[in-house]
């Protein structure tokens, strides 16, 4: 499946360029797991992903906040990982 995604993303970029658009400004969003590792996020970034959306797994609002905060700290700008922007759903 990663090869298929790469081919589709390449087609998006070529199509944008053919239409006179700058493919460098396109955003590529992928869903991910709240437990994603730094390596997984870096792999997404290498594939051209610019945003990763995650959801907390707990039903408890306080635990959701803790899960999302821990995730954000792992991938905060200037932190350990660099790569796509991360968002919560």
Protein backbone atom coordinates (compact mmCIF):
# COMPACT_ATOMS: atom_id res chain seq x y z
CA UNK A 1 0.00 0.00 0.00
CA UNK A 2 2.79 2.55 0.62
CA UNK A 3 3.87 2.23 -3.02
CA UNK A 4 0.29 2.87 -4.15
CA UNK A 5 0.06 5.94 -1.91
CA UNK A 6 3.38 7.21 -3.23
CA UNK A 7 2.16 6.78 -6.81
CA UNK A 8 -1.08 8.62 -6.02
CA UNK A 9 0.77 11.47 -4.28
CA UNK A 10 3.15 11.74 -7.26
CA UNK A 11 0.12 11.97 -9.57
CA UNK A 12 -1.36 14.76 -7.41
CA UNK A 13 1.87 16.72 -7.60
CA UNK A 14 2.28 16.23 -11.40
CA UNK A 15 -1.36 17.17 -11.98
CA UNK A 16 -0.99 20.32 -9.90
CA UNK A 17 2.12 21.33 -11.81
CA UNK A 18 0.43 20.63 -15.17
CA UNK A 19 -2.38 22.95 -14.09
CA UNK A 20 0.10 25.71 -13.30
CA UNK A 21 -0.11 25.21 -9.54
CA UNK A 22 2.84 24.97 -7.17
CA UNK A 23 3.00 21.34 -5.94
CA UNK A 24 5.22 22.50 -3.09
CA UNK A 25 2.29 24.15 -1.32
CA UNK A 26 0.09 21.06 -1.35
CA UNK A 27 -0.70 19.54 2.03
CA UNK A 28 -0.81 15.77 2.52
CA UNK A 29 -2.82 14.64 5.54
CA UNK A 30 -2.79 11.12 6.97
CA UNK A 31 -4.60 9.58 9.93
CA UNK A 32 -2.35 8.07 12.57
CA UNK A 33 -2.38 6.39 15.95
CA UNK A 34 -1.95 8.28 19.21
CA UNK A 35 0.77 5.71 19.95
CA UNK A 36 2.78 6.57 16.82
CA UNK A 37 6.51 6.45 17.33
CA UNK A 38 8.97 9.13 16.28
CA UNK A 39 10.16 6.73 13.57
CA UNK A 40 6.63 6.31 12.17
CA UNK A 41 6.10 10.08 12.00
CA UNK A 42 9.49 10.55 10.37
CA UNK A 43 8.59 7.85 7.81
CA UNK A 44 5.37 9.75 7.01
CA UNK A 45 7.39 12.96 6.62
CA UNK A 46 9.75 11.19 4.20
CA UNK A 47 6.68 10.20 2.16
CA UNK A 48 5.67 13.88 1.92
CA UNK A 49 3.02 13.88 4.65
CA UNK A 50 2.57 17.39 6.08
CA UNK A 51 -0.10 16.71 8.72
CA UNK A 52 -1.01 13.71 10.88
CA UNK A 53 -4.42 13.60 12.60
CA UNK A 54 -4.82 11.46 15.71
CA UNK A 55 -7.62 10.77 18.19
CA UNK A 56 -7.42 9.96 21.88
CA UNK A 57 -8.40 6.41 22.75
CA UNK A 58 -9.93 7.09 26.17
CA UNK A 59 -13.56 8.02 26.77
CA UNK A 60 -12.57 10.05 29.86
CA UNK A 61 -11.97 13.74 29.03
CA UNK A 62 -9.07 14.08 31.50
CA UNK A 63 -7.35 11.01 30.05
CA UNK A 64 -7.98 12.29 26.52
CA UNK A 65 -6.26 15.55 27.44
CA UNK A 66 -3.33 13.65 28.96
CA UNK A 67 -2.99 11.39 25.90
CA UNK A 68 -3.11 14.29 23.44
CA UNK A 69 -0.73 16.38 25.56
CA UNK A 70 1.80 13.52 25.72
CA UNK A 71 1.54 13.08 21.95
CA UNK A 72 1.98 16.81 21.35
CA UNK A 73 5.03 16.94 23.60
CA UNK A 74 6.70 14.14 21.61
CA UNK A 75 6.22 16.05 18.36
CA UNK A 76 6.30 19.69 19.46
CA UNK A 77 8.29 22.09 17.25
CA UNK A 78 11.87 22.09 18.48
CA UNK A 79 11.29 18.76 20.20
CA UNK A 80 12.78 15.36 19.43
CA UNK A 81 10.88 14.70 16.24
CA UNK A 82 10.62 16.80 13.17
CA UNK A 83 8.20 16.15 10.42
CA UNK A 84 4.52 16.61 9.71
CA UNK A 85 2.26 18.81 11.76
CA UNK A 86 0.12 16.78 14.15
CA UNK A 87 -3.55 17.46 14.86
CA UNK A 88 -6.18 15.84 17.03
CA UNK A 89 -9.60 14.83 15.82
